[in-house]
Amino acid sequence: MIEKAVFLVREAHASRETAVHALLEYFPGSSFEDRLRCVHEAWDIVHRGAPPVPVYSARSEVSDARYFAAAHERHAFTD
């Protein structure tokens, strides 16, 4: 089950929650705790214990009013 969890995390880029639910389809008789443990072990194998990187870690330029206004004008958006 750990090998399948590693595949889901590494190759399918599944989140931990998605991987736990997906393992239920592959191993219907498995308990939630077993699937959760396998996903946590798989996450550690794939990421070598590094904390997960937030998906939106960089601040968008559009969040700055100056850049937003320039992009708004450049693309001729009107209110």
N, C-alpha and C. Protein backbone atom coordinates (compact mmCIF):
# COMPACT_ATOMS: atom_id res chain seq x y z
N MET A 1 0.83 -1.19 0.00
CA MET A 1 0.00 0.00 0.00
C MET A 1 0.88 1.26 0.00
N ILE A 2 2.04 1.19 0.64
CA ILE A 2 2.92 2.36 0.67
C ILE A 2 3.42 2.69 -0.74
N GLU A 3 3.70 1.64 -1.53
CA GLU A 3 4.18 1.89 -2.90
C GLU A 3 3.12 2.64 -3.71
N LYS A 4 1.86 2.26 -3.54
CA LYS A 4 0.78 2.95 -4.27
C LYS A 4 0.64 4.38 -3.77
N ALA A 5 0.81 4.59 -2.47
CA ALA A 5 0.74 5.94 -1.92
C ALA A 5 1.88 6.80 -2.44
N VAL A 6 3.08 6.21 -2.55
CA VAL A 6 4.22 6.95 -3.12
C VAL A 6 3.91 7.32 -4.56
N PHE A 7 3.33 6.40 -5.32
CA PHE A 7 2.96 6.70 -6.71
C PHE A 7 1.97 7.86 -6.77
N LEU A 8 0.96 7.82 -5.92
CA LEU A 8 -0.06 8.88 -5.95
C LEU A 8 0.54 10.24 -5.61
N VAL A 9 1.44 10.27 -4.63
CA VAL A 9 2.03 11.55 -4.22
C VAL A 9 3.06 12.03 -5.23
N ARG A 10 3.93 11.12 -5.70
CA ARG A 10 5.02 11.53 -6.58
C ARG A 10 4.58 11.70 -8.03
N GLU A 11 3.92 10.70 -8.57
CA GLU A 11 3.60 10.71 -10.00
C GLU A 11 2.28 11.39 -10.32
N ALA A 12 1.27 11.18 -9.49
CA ALA A 12 -0.04 11.77 -9.75
C ALA A 12 -0.19 13.14 -9.10
N HIS A 13 0.81 13.54 -8.30
CA HIS A 13 0.80 14.85 -7.62
C HIS A 13 -0.47 15.03 -6.79
N ALA A 14 -0.88 13.95 -6.15
CA ALA A 14 -2.09 14.00 -5.32
C ALA A 14 -1.77 14.63 -3.97
N SER A 15 -2.72 15.36 -3.45
CA SER A 15 -2.55 15.91 -2.10
C SER A 15 -2.67 14.75 -1.11
N ARG A 16 -2.32 15.01 0.13
CA ARG A 16 -2.42 13.95 1.14
C ARG A 16 -3.85 13.47 1.29
N GLU A 17 -4.78 14.40 1.34
CA GLU A 17 -6.18 14.03 1.52
C GLU A 17 -6.68 13.21 0.33
N THR A 18 -6.34 13.64 -0.88
CA THR A 18 -6.76 12.91 -2.08
C THR A 18 -6.15 11.52 -2.11
N ALA A 19 -4.89 11.41 -1.72
CA ALA A 19 -4.22 10.11 -1.72
C ALA A 19 -4.86 9.16 -0.72
N VAL A 20 -5.23 9.66 0.44
CA VAL A 20 -5.89 8.81 1.45
C VAL A 20 -7.20 8.28 0.90
N HIS A 21 -7.98 9.12 0.24
CA HIS A 21 -9.25 8.68 -0.33
C HIS A 21 -9.04 7.76 -1.53
N ALA A 22 -8.01 8.03 -2.33
CA ALA A 22 -7.74 7.19 -3.51
C ALA A 22 -7.29 5.79 -3.10
N LEU A 23 -6.56 5.68 -2.01
CA LEU A 23 -6.13 4.35 -1.55
C LEU A 23 -7.31 3.46 -1.21
N LEU A 24 -8.42 4.05 -0.81
CA LEU A 24 -9.62 3.26 -0.51
C LEU A 24 -10.11 2.53 -1.75
N GLU A 25 -9.97 3.15 -2.92
CA GLU A 25 -10.39 2.50 -4.16
C GLU A 25 -9.48 1.32 -4.50
N TYR A 26 -8.18 1.45 -4.21
CA TYR A 26 -7.23 0.38 -4.50
C TYR A 26 -7.26 -0.71 -3.44
N PHE A 27 -7.51 -0.34 -2.20
CA PHE A 27 -7.53 -1.29 -1.09
C PHE A 27 -8.83 -1.10 -0.29
N PRO A 28 -9.94 -1.66 -0.80
CA PRO A 28 -11.24 -1.40 -0.20
C PRO A 28 -11.38 -1.84 1.26
N GLY A 29 -10.63 -2.84 1.68
CA GLY A 29 -10.76 -3.33 3.05
C GLY A 29 -9.88 -2.61 4.06
N SER A 30 -9.12 -1.63 3.61
CA SER A 30 -8.16 -0.97 4.50
C SER A 30 -8.86 0.05 5.40
N SER A 31 -8.31 0.21 6.58
CA SER A 31 -8.87 1.18 7.52
C SER A 31 -8.33 2.57 7.20
N PHE A 32 -9.04 3.57 7.66
CA PHE A 32 -8.63 4.96 7.44
C PHE A 32 -7.26 5.21 8.06
N GLU A 33 -7.03 4.67 9.26
CA GLU A 33 -5.76 4.88 9.95
C GLU A 33 -4.59 4.29 9.16
N ASP A 34 -4.79 3.09 8.57
CA ASP A 34 -3.73 2.47 7.78
C ASP A 34 -3.42 3.30 6.53
N ARG A 35 -4.48 3.76 5.87
CA ARG A 35 -4.27 4.57 4.67
C ARG A 35 -3.59 5.88 5.02
N LEU A 36 -3.99 6.50 6.11
CA LEU A 36 -3.39 7.76 6.54
C LEU A 36 -1.91 7.57 6.88
N ARG A 37 -1.59 6.49 7.59
CA ARG A 37 -0.20 6.20 7.93
C ARG A 37 0.64 6.00 6.68
N CYS A 38 0.11 5.25 5.71
CA CYS A 38 0.84 5.00 4.47
C CYS A 38 1.08 6.29 3.69
N VAL A 39 0.09 7.15 3.65
CA VAL A 39 0.25 8.42 2.94
C VAL A 39 1.28 9.30 3.63
N HIS A 40 1.28 9.32 4.95
CA HIS A 40 2.29 10.11 5.67
C HIS A 40 3.69 9.56 5.42
N GLU A 41 3.83 8.24 5.42
CA GLU A 41 5.13 7.64 5.12
C GLU A 41 5.54 7.93 3.68
N ALA A 42 4.58 7.85 2.76
CA ALA A 42 4.88 8.14 1.35
C ALA A 42 5.30 9.59 1.18
N TRP A 43 4.63 10.49 1.88
CA TRP A 43 4.97 11.92 1.80
C TRP A 43 6.41 12.13 2.27
N ASP A 44 6.78 11.45 3.36
CA ASP A 44 8.14 11.56 3.87
C ASP A 44 9.15 10.98 2.88
N ILE A 45 8.80 9.88 2.23
CA ILE A 45 9.70 9.28 1.24
C ILE A 45 9.89 10.23 0.07
N VAL A 46 8.81 10.78 -0.43
CA VAL A 46 8.88 11.65 -1.62
C VAL A 46 9.55 12.97 -1.30
N HIS A 47 9.20 13.56 -0.19
CA HIS A 47 9.70 14.90 0.14
C HIS A 47 10.83 14.88 1.16
N ARG A 48 11.25 13.70 1.56
CA ARG A 48 12.35 13.52 2.51
C ARG A 48 12.16 14.35 3.77
N GLY A 49 10.95 14.37 4.27
CA GLY A 49 10.66 15.05 5.51
C GLY A 49 10.52 16.56 5.41
N ALA A 50 10.67 17.11 4.21
CA ALA A 50 10.53 18.55 4.04
C ALA A 50 9.06 18.93 4.18
N PRO A 51 8.77 20.07 4.76
CA PRO A 51 7.37 20.49 4.88
C PRO A 51 6.79 20.79 3.50
N PRO A 52 5.49 20.62 3.34
CA PRO A 52 4.89 20.90 2.04
C PRO A 52 5.02 22.36 1.66
N VAL A 53 5.26 22.60 0.39
CA VAL A 53 5.38 23.96 -0.12
C VAL A 53 3.99 24.46 -0.48
N PRO A 54 3.61 25.64 0.01
CA PRO A 54 2.29 26.16 -0.34
C PRO A 54 2.17 26.36 -1.85
N VAL A 55 1.00 26.09 -2.37
CA VAL A 55 0.78 26.20 -3.81
C VAL A 55 0.98 27.64 -4.27
N TYR A 56 0.47 28.60 -3.53
CA TYR A 56 0.58 29.99 -3.91
C TYR A 56 1.52 30.72 -2.95
N SER A 57 2.79 30.35 -2.99
CA SER A 57 3.74 30.92 -2.04
C SER A 57 4.21 32.30 -2.47
N ALA A 58 4.22 32.58 -3.76
CA ALA A 58 4.69 33.88 -4.24
C ALA A 58 3.51 34.86 -4.34
N ARG A 59 3.76 36.07 -3.94
CA ARG A 59 2.72 37.10 -4.02
C ARG A 59 2.57 37.54 -5.47
N SER A 60 1.38 37.59 -5.93
CA SER A 60 1.11 37.99 -7.30
C SER A 60 1.31 39.49 -7.46
N GLU A 61 1.83 39.89 -8.62
CA GLU A 61 2.00 41.31 -8.90
C GLU A 61 0.65 42.02 -8.98
N VAL A 62 -0.38 41.28 -9.31
CA VAL A 62 -1.69 41.89 -9.46
C VAL A 62 -2.25 42.33 -8.10
N SER A 63 -1.70 41.78 -7.02
CA SER A 63 -2.17 42.20 -5.70
C SER A 63 -1.68 43.60 -5.36
N ASP A 64 -0.67 44.10 -6.07
CA ASP A 64 -0.20 45.47 -5.89
C ASP A 64 -1.02 46.36 -6.82
N ALA A 65 -1.62 47.40 -6.28
CA ALA A 65 -2.53 48.25 -7.05
C ALA A 65 -1.85 48.87 -8.27
N ARG A 66 -0.57 49.21 -8.16
CA ARG A 66 0.12 49.84 -9.31
C ARG A 66 0.17 48.89 -10.50
N TYR A 67 0.54 47.63 -10.25
CA TYR A 67 0.64 46.67 -11.34
C TYR A 67 -0.74 46.29 -11.87
N PHE A 68 -1.72 46.20 -10.97
CA PHE A 68 -3.06 45.85 -11.38
C PHE A 68 -3.62 46.90 -12.33
N ALA A 69 -3.44 48.18 -11.99
CA ALA A 69 -3.94 49.26 -12.84
C ALA A 69 -3.25 49.25 -14.19
N ALA A 70 -1.93 49.01 -14.20
CA ALA A 70 -1.19 48.99 -15.46
C ALA A 70 -1.67 47.84 -16.34
N ALA A 71 -1.86 46.68 -15.75
CA ALA A 71 -2.35 45.53 -16.52
C ALA A 71 -3.76 45.78 -17.01
N HIS A 72 -4.55 46.43 -16.19
CA HIS A 72 -5.93 46.75 -16.55
C HIS A 72 -5.96 47.64 -17.78
N GLU A 73 -5.10 48.66 -17.80
CA GLU A 73 -5.04 49.57 -18.94
C GLU A 73 -4.42 48.90 -20.16
N ARG A 74 -3.37 48.11 -19.93
CA ARG A 74 -2.66 47.47 -21.04
C ARG A 74 -3.59 46.54 -21.81
N HIS A 75 -4.49 45.88 -21.12
CA HIS A 75 -5.38 44.94 -21.79
C HIS A 75 -6.73 45.56 -22.12
N ALA A 76 -6.84 46.84 -21.94
CA ALA A 76 -8.04 47.61 -22.31
C ALA A 76 -9.29 47.10 -21.62
N PHE A 77 -9.15 46.73 -20.35
CA PHE A 77 -10.34 46.35 -19.58
C PHE A 77 -11.02 47.63 -19.12
N THR A 78 -12.31 47.65 -19.23
CA THR A 78 -13.06 48.81 -18.76
C THR A 78 -14.07 48.36 -17.73
N ASP A 79 -14.43 49.29 -16.87
CA ASP A 79 -15.41 48.96 -15.83
C ASP A 79 -16.82 49.13 -16.33
